């Protein structure tokens, strides 16, 4: 019995490689969505965005995703490292939203994804601080941001509605492809622990 409790305590501290791989995949999808959104805004809608800033931020996210893959693909990693990566992603999203409309950017709803990941994978000790940081980041963008440049090719409100739709569809796809398999693997792990 004490051995099973020790195994359970260790597993609460350490996240398996499959969980990390899913996070890497999720971050890759987010990076792809960000690149696509910037490309569409600058190419199709002819918006003048701070491309150097956006490209550098997305590039740092891409490099970090590759590093995380190499560091965790075999043995996984700790909950603390997982939480730190979610904080990093939250700050990077803030850096992307700040020069592109802040809280008026329809992709601001993507703030909920790191929090949803944390709520699914991590303990309360990590989730509540991340929730507070998410609220702080959003609140910051309410009061300080650079307006999203308007496109002379489309109405601003119509663009906002289209962006909300794309953001919603992205969220639905991520929930279906990331959270459902993750919840299944967590249930299987709990069953293995109970059997042990």
C-alpha atoms as a PDB file:
ATOM      1  CA  UNK A   1       0.000   0.000   0.000  1.00  0.00           C
ATOM      2  CA  UNK A   2       2.750   2.475   0.914  1.00  0.00           C
ATOM      3  CA  UNK A   3       4.529   1.645  -2.360  1.00  0.00           C
ATOM      4  CA  UNK A   4       1.366   2.444  -4.318  1.00  0.00           C
ATOM      5  CA  UNK A   5       1.076   5.781  -2.472  1.00  0.00           C
ATOM      6  CA  UNK A   6       4.719   6.585  -3.258  1.00  0.00           C
ATOM      7  CA  UNK A   7       4.144   5.780  -6.945  1.00  0.00           C
ATOM      8  CA  UNK A   8       1.009   7.931  -6.924  1.00  0.00           C
ATOM      9  CA  UNK A   9       2.866  10.873  -5.315  1.00  0.00           C
ATOM     10  CA  UNK A  10       5.681  10.584  -7.872  1.00  0.00           C
ATOM     11  CA  UNK A  11       3.210  10.506 -10.767  1.00  0.00           C
ATOM     12  CA  UNK A  12       1.504  13.661  -9.487  1.00  0.00           C
ATOM     13  CA  UNK A  13       4.869  15.440  -9.641  1.00  0.00           C
ATOM     14  CA  UNK A  14       6.008  13.975 -12.974  1.00  0.00           C
ATOM     15  CA  UNK A  15       4.056  14.160 -16.223  1.00  0.00           C
ATOM     16  CA  UNK A  16       4.596  11.413 -18.799  1.00  0.00           C
ATOM     17  CA  UNK A  17       6.113  12.020 -22.213  1.00  0.00           C
ATOM     18  CA  UNK A  18       2.721  11.522 -23.908  1.00  0.00           C
ATOM     19  CA  UNK A  19       1.296  14.533 -22.063  1.00  0.00           C
ATOM     20  CA  UNK A  20       4.289  16.654 -23.078  1.00  0.00           C
ATOM     21  CA  UNK A  21       3.991  15.472 -26.686  1.00  0.00           C
ATOM     22  CA  UNK A  22       0.360  16.567 -26.732  1.00  0.00           C
ATOM     23  CA  UNK A  23       1.355  19.978 -25.407  1.00  0.00           C
ATOM     24  CA  UNK A  24       4.041  20.289 -28.100  1.00  0.00           C
ATOM     25  CA  UNK A  25       1.439  19.388 -30.714  1.00  0.00           C
ATOM     26  CA  UNK A  26      -1.012  21.923 -29.263  1.00  0.00           C
ATOM     27  CA  UNK A  27       1.659  24.638 -29.279  1.00  0.00           C
ATOM     28  CA  UNK A  28       2.514  23.745 -32.886  1.00  0.00           C
ATOM     29  CA  UNK A  29      -1.115  24.209 -33.898  1.00  0.00           C
ATOM     30  CA  UNK A  30      -1.217  27.563 -32.068  1.00  0.00           C
ATOM     31  CA  UNK A  31       1.932  28.682 -33.890  1.00  0.00           C
ATOM     32  CA  UNK A  32       0.424  27.641 -37.231  1.00  0.00           C
ATOM     33  CA  UNK A  33      -2.765  29.604 -36.447  1.00  0.00           C
ATOM     34  CA  UNK A  34      -0.700  32.653 -35.484  1.00  0.00           C
ATOM     35  CA  UNK A  35       1.385  32.523 -38.664  1.00  0.00           C
ATOM     36  CA  UNK A  36      -1.746  32.087 -40.772  1.00  0.00           C
ATOM     37  CA  UNK A  37      -3.536  34.974 -39.041  1.00  0.00           C
ATOM     38  CA  UNK A  38      -0.577  37.328 -39.561  1.00  0.00           C
ATOM     39  CA  UNK A  39      -0.180  36.236 -43.188  1.00  0.00           C
ATOM     40  CA  UNK A  40      -3.904  36.722 -43.937  1.00  0.00           C
ATOM     41  CA  UNK A  41      -3.970  40.125 -42.227  1.00  0.00           C
ATOM     42  CA  UNK A  42      -0.937  41.432 -44.089  1.00  0.00           C
ATOM     43  CA  UNK A  43      -1.499  39.762 -47.475  1.00  0.00           C
ATOM     44  CA  UNK A  44      -5.254  39.572 -48.023  1.00  0.00           C
ATOM     45  CA  UNK A  45      -6.370  42.477 -45.873  1.00  0.00           C
ATOM     46  CA  UNK A  46      -3.270  44.637 -46.443  1.00  0.00           C
ATOM     47  CA  UNK A  47      -2.988  45.602 -42.771  1.00  0.00           C
ATOM     48  CA  UNK A  48       0.220  47.255 -41.636  1.00  0.00           C
ATOM     49  CA  UNK A  49       1.300  45.148 -38.681  1.00  0.00           C
ATOM     50  CA  UNK A  50       4.626  45.218 -36.791  1.00  0.00           C
ATOM     51  CA  UNK A  51       5.921  42.195 -38.677  1.00  0.00           C
ATOM     52  CA  UNK A  52       9.391  42.126 -37.103  1.00  0.00           C
ATOM     53  CA  UNK A  53       7.906  42.002 -33.581  1.00  0.00           C
ATOM     54  CA  UNK A  54       5.297  39.377 -34.485  1.00  0.00           C
ATOM     55  CA  UNK A  55       7.786  37.221 -36.415  1.00  0.00           C
ATOM     56  CA  UNK A  56      10.304  37.355 -33.557  1.00  0.00           C
ATOM     57  CA  UNK A  57       7.664  36.384 -30.974  1.00  0.00           C
ATOM     58  CA  UNK A  58       6.320  33.515 -33.089  1.00  0.00           C
ATOM     59  CA  UNK A  59       9.898  32.443 -33.879  1.00  0.00           C
ATOM     60  CA  UNK A  60      10.755  32.251 -30.166  1.00  0.00           C
ATOM     61  CA  UNK A  61       7.630  30.146 -29.627  1.00  0.00           C
ATOM     62  CA  UNK A  62       8.680  27.824 -32.460  1.00  0.00           C
ATOM     63  CA  UNK A  63      12.218  27.388 -31.130  1.00  0.00           C
ATOM     64  CA  UNK A  64      10.888  26.739 -27.627  1.00  0.00           C
ATOM     65  CA  UNK A  65       8.507  24.102 -29.010  1.00  0.00           C
ATOM     66  CA  UNK A  66      11.396  22.251 -30.665  1.00  0.00           C
ATOM     67  CA  UNK A  67      13.440  22.445 -27.444  1.00  0.00           C
ATOM     68  CA  UNK A  68      10.543  21.163 -25.348  1.00  0.00           C
ATOM     69  CA  UNK A  69      10.108  18.260 -27.762  1.00  0.00           C
ATOM     70  CA  UNK A  70      13.766  17.261 -27.450  1.00  0.00           C
ATOM     71  CA  UNK A  71      13.851  17.643 -23.668  1.00  0.00           C
ATOM     72  CA  UNK A  72      10.640  15.767 -22.873  1.00  0.00           C
ATOM     73  CA  UNK A  73       9.933  13.362 -25.755  1.00  0.00           C
ATOM     74  CA  UNK A  74      11.462  10.384 -23.970  1.00  0.00           C
ATOM     75  CA  UNK A  75      11.046  10.901 -20.213  1.00  0.00           C
ATOM     76  CA  UNK A  76       8.432  13.630 -19.801  1.00  0.00           C
ATOM     77  CA  UNK A  77       8.969  16.277 -17.164  1.00  0.00           C
ATOM     78  CA  UNK A  78       7.760  17.855 -13.956  1.00  0.00           C
ATOM     79  CA  UNK A  79       4.488  19.650 -13.332  1.00  0.00           C
ATOM     80  CA  UNK A  80       6.452  22.758 -12.413  1.00  0.00           C
ATOM     81  CA  UNK A  81       8.199  22.818 -15.786  1.00  0.00           C
ATOM     82  CA  UNK A  82       4.856  22.235 -17.503  1.00  0.00           C
ATOM     83  CA  UNK A  83       3.312  25.164 -15.606  1.00  0.00           C
ATOM     84  CA  UNK A  84       6.316  27.380 -16.420  1.00  0.00           C
ATOM     85  CA  UNK A  85       5.862  26.614 -20.118  1.00  0.00           C
ATOM     86  CA  UNK A  86       2.184  27.575 -19.920  1.00  0.00           C
ATOM     87  CA  UNK A  87       3.186  30.877 -18.264  1.00  0.00           C
ATOM     88  CA  UNK A  88       5.693  31.436 -21.078  1.00  0.00           C
ATOM     89  CA  UNK A  89       2.942  30.804 -23.653  1.00  0.00           C
ATOM     90  CA  UNK A  90       0.607  33.188 -21.850  1.00  0.00           C
ATOM     91  CA  UNK A  91       3.235  35.941 -21.910  1.00  0.00           C
ATOM     92  CA  UNK A  92       3.986  35.264 -25.587  1.00  0.00           C
ATOM     93  CA  UNK A  93       0.290  35.516 -26.441  1.00  0.00           C
ATOM     94  CA  UNK A  94       0.195  38.844 -24.604  1.00  0.00           C
ATOM     95  CA  UNK A  95       3.179  39.994 -26.668  1.00  0.00           C
ATOM     96  CA  UNK A  96       1.309  39.044 -29.853  1.00  0.00           C
ATOM     97  CA  UNK A  97      -1.963  40.683 -28.827  1.00  0.00           C
ATOM     98  CA  UNK A  98      -0.478  43.946 -27.536  1.00  0.00           C
ATOM     99  CA  UNK A  99       0.425  45.418 -30.969  1.00  0.00           C
ATOM    100  CA  UNK A 100      -2.620  43.893 -32.688  1.00  0.00           C
ATOM    101  CA  UNK A 101      -5.583  45.364 -30.852  1.00  0.00           C
ATOM    102  CA  UNK A 102      -5.149  44.008 -27.328  1.00  0.00           C
ATOM    103  CA  UNK A 103      -8.488  42.976 -25.843  1.00  0.00           C
ATOM    104  CA  UNK A 104     -10.298  43.991 -29.049  1.00  0.00           C
ATOM    105  CA  UNK A 105      -8.454  41.293 -31.032  1.00  0.00           C
ATOM    106  CA  UNK A 106     -10.866  38.361 -31.545  1.00  0.00           C
ATOM    107  CA  UNK A 107      -8.046  35.909 -30.789  1.00  0.00           C
ATOM    108  CA  UNK A 108      -7.953  37.125 -27.179  1.00  0.00           C
ATOM    109  CA  UNK A 109     -10.144  34.103 -26.366  1.00  0.00           C
ATOM    110  CA  UNK A 110      -7.031  31.952 -26.879  1.00  0.00           C
ATOM    111  CA  UNK A 111      -6.062  33.004 -23.343  1.00  0.00           C
ATOM    112  CA  UNK A 112      -8.418  30.268 -22.169  1.00  0.00           C
ATOM    113  CA  UNK A 113      -6.395  27.449 -23.767  1.00  0.00           C
ATOM    114  CA  UNK A 114      -3.351  27.471 -21.433  1.00  0.00           C
ATOM    115  CA  UNK A 115      -5.741  27.702 -18.505  1.00  0.00           C
ATOM    116  CA  UNK A 116      -7.804  24.783 -19.799  1.00  0.00           C
ATOM    117  CA  UNK A 117      -4.633  22.734 -20.285  1.00  0.00           C
ATOM    118  CA  UNK A 118      -3.526  23.538 -16.736  1.00  0.00           C
ATOM    119  CA  UNK A 119      -6.937  22.614 -15.345  1.00  0.00           C
ATOM    120  CA  UNK A 120      -6.810  19.271 -17.130  1.00  0.00           C
ATOM    121  CA  UNK A 121      -3.224  18.295 -16.323  1.00  0.00           C
ATOM    122  CA  UNK A 122      -1.972  20.184 -13.265  1.00  0.00           C
ATOM    123  CA  UNK A 123      -2.988  20.425  -9.633  1.00  0.00           C
ATOM    124  CA  UNK A 124      -4.798  23.368  -8.031  1.00  0.00           C
ATOM    125  CA  UNK A 125      -1.534  24.799  -6.757  1.00  0.00           C
ATOM    126  CA  UNK A 126      -0.591  25.564 -10.356  1.00  0.00           C
ATOM    127  CA  UNK A 127      -4.027  26.324 -11.814  1.00  0.00           C
ATOM    128  CA  UNK A 128      -5.064  29.222  -9.580  1.00  0.00           C
ATOM    129  CA  UNK A 129      -1.849  31.229  -9.995  1.00  0.00           C
ATOM    130  CA  UNK A 130      -2.086  30.697 -13.768  1.00  0.00           C
ATOM    131  CA  UNK A 131      -5.730  31.822 -13.675  1.00  0.00           C
ATOM    132  CA  UNK A 132      -4.707  34.991 -11.798  1.00  0.00           C
ATOM    133  CA  UNK A 133      -1.946  35.668 -14.323  1.00  0.00           C
ATOM    134  CA  UNK A 134      -4.405  35.168 -17.189  1.00  0.00           C
ATOM    135  CA  UNK A 135      -6.799  37.717 -15.686  1.00  0.00           C
ATOM    136  CA  UNK A 136      -3.915  40.150 -15.137  1.00  0.00           C
ATOM    137  CA  UNK A 137      -2.704  39.772 -18.732  1.00  0.00           C
ATOM    138  CA  UNK A 138      -6.193  40.305 -20.131  1.00  0.00           C
ATOM    139  CA  UNK A 139      -6.752  43.301 -17.854  1.00  0.00           C
ATOM    140  CA  UNK A 140      -3.438  44.796 -18.950  1.00  0.00           C
ATOM    141  CA  UNK A 141      -4.579  44.554 -22.580  1.00  0.00           C
ATOM    142  CA  UNK A 142      -7.834  46.310 -21.724  1.00  0.00           C
ATOM    143  CA  UNK A 143      -5.962  49.397 -20.607  1.00  0.00           C
ATOM    144  CA  UNK A 144      -2.819  49.324 -22.740  1.00  0.00           C
ATOM    145  CA  UNK A 145      -2.536  48.130 -26.342  1.00  0.00           C
ATOM    146  CA  UNK A 146      -1.932  49.347 -29.860  1.00  0.00           C
ATOM    147  CA  UNK A 147      -5.091  49.518 -32.005  1.00  0.00           C
ATOM    148  CA  UNK A 148      -5.405  46.947 -34.757  1.00  0.00           C
ATOM    149  CA  UNK A 149      -4.872  48.722 -38.086  1.00  0.00           C
ATOM    150  CA  UNK A 150      -7.971  48.825 -40.244  1.00  0.00           C
ATOM    151  CA  UNK A 151      -8.131  47.263 -43.648  1.00  0.00           C
ATOM    152  CA  UNK A 152      -9.435  49.371 -46.515  1.00  0.00           C
ATOM    153  CA  UNK A 153     -10.636  46.119 -48.110  1.00  0.00           C
ATOM    154  CA  UNK A 154     -13.188  45.093 -45.470  1.00  0.00           C
ATOM    155  CA  UNK A 155     -15.431  46.542 -42.761  1.00  0.00           C
ATOM    156  CA  UNK A 156     -13.820  46.468 -39.295  1.00  0.00           C
ATOM    157  CA  UNK A 157     -16.859  44.922 -37.593  1.00  0.00           C
ATOM    158  CA  UNK A 158     -17.184  42.205 -40.238  1.00  0.00           C
ATOM    159  CA  UNK A 159     -13.489  41.422 -39.802  1.00  0.00           C
ATOM    160  CA  UNK A 160     -13.946  41.192 -36.052  1.00  0.00           C
ATOM    161  CA  UNK A 161     -16.857  38.772 -36.461  1.00  0.00           C
ATOM    162  CA  UNK A 162     -14.871  36.657 -38.935  1.00  0.00           C
ATOM    163  CA  UNK A 163     -11.932  36.608 -36.505  1.00  0.00           C
ATOM    164  CA  UNK A 164     -14.226  35.513 -33.678  1.00  0.00           C
ATOM    165  CA  UNK A 165     -15.487  32.644 -35.834  1.00  0.00           C
ATOM    166  CA  UNK A 166     -11.938  31.519 -36.704  1.00  0.00           C
ATOM    167  CA  UNK A 167     -10.938  31.748 -33.037  1.00  0.00           C
ATOM    168  CA  UNK A 168     -13.986  29.713 -31.994  1.00  0.00           C
ATOM    169  CA  UNK A 169     -13.391  27.003 -34.617  1.00  0.00           C
ATOM    170  CA  UNK A 170      -9.725  26.805 -33.581  1.00  0.00           C
ATOM    171  CA  UNK A 171     -10.738  26.350 -29.950  1.00  0.00           C
ATOM    172  CA  UNK A 172     -13.259  23.632 -30.803  1.00  0.00           C
ATOM    173  CA  UNK A 173     -10.704  21.725 -32.885  1.00  0.00           C
ATOM    174  CA  UNK A 174      -8.096  21.936 -30.143  1.00  0.00           C
ATOM    175  CA  UNK A 175     -10.545  20.754 -27.485  1.00  0.00           C
ATOM    176  CA  UNK A 176     -11.543  17.799 -29.651  1.00  0.00           C
ATOM    177  CA  UNK A 177      -8.023  16.831 -30.704  1.00  0.00           C
ATOM    178  CA  UNK A 178      -6.138  17.581 -27.473  1.00  0.00           C
ATOM    179  CA  UNK A 179      -8.360  17.442 -24.427  1.00  0.00           C
ATOM    180  CA  UNK A 180     -10.435  14.363 -25.218  1.00  0.00           C
ATOM    181  CA  UNK A 181      -7.418  12.069 -25.830  1.00  0.00           C
ATOM    182  CA  UNK A 182      -5.650  13.615 -22.844  1.00  0.00           C
ATOM    183  CA  UNK A 183      -8.609  12.950 -20.562  1.00  0.00           C
ATOM    184  CA  UNK A 184      -8.717   9.347 -21.810  1.00  0.00           C
ATOM    185  CA  UNK A 185      -5.014   8.810 -21.108  1.00  0.00           C
ATOM    186  CA  UNK A 186      -5.403  10.331 -17.631  1.00  0.00           C
ATOM    187  CA  UNK A 187      -8.286   7.951 -16.885  1.00  0.00           C
ATOM    188  CA  UNK A 188      -6.169   5.015 -18.045  1.00  0.00           C
ATOM    189  CA  UNK A 189      -3.273   6.154 -15.849  1.00  0.00           C
ATOM    190  CA  UNK A 190      -5.552   6.452 -12.821  1.00  0.00           C
ATOM    191  CA  UNK A 191      -6.854   2.946 -13.484  1.00  0.00           C
ATOM    192  CA  UNK A 192      -3.279   1.602 -13.620  1.00  0.00           C
ATOM    193  CA  UNK A 193      -2.464   3.347 -10.335  1.00  0.00           C
ATOM    194  CA  UNK A 194      -5.580   1.933  -8.707  1.00  0.00           C
ATOM    195  CA  UNK A 195      -4.640  -1.556  -9.947  1.00  0.00           C
ATOM    196  CA  UNK A 196      -1.109  -1.143  -8.525  1.00  0.00           C
END
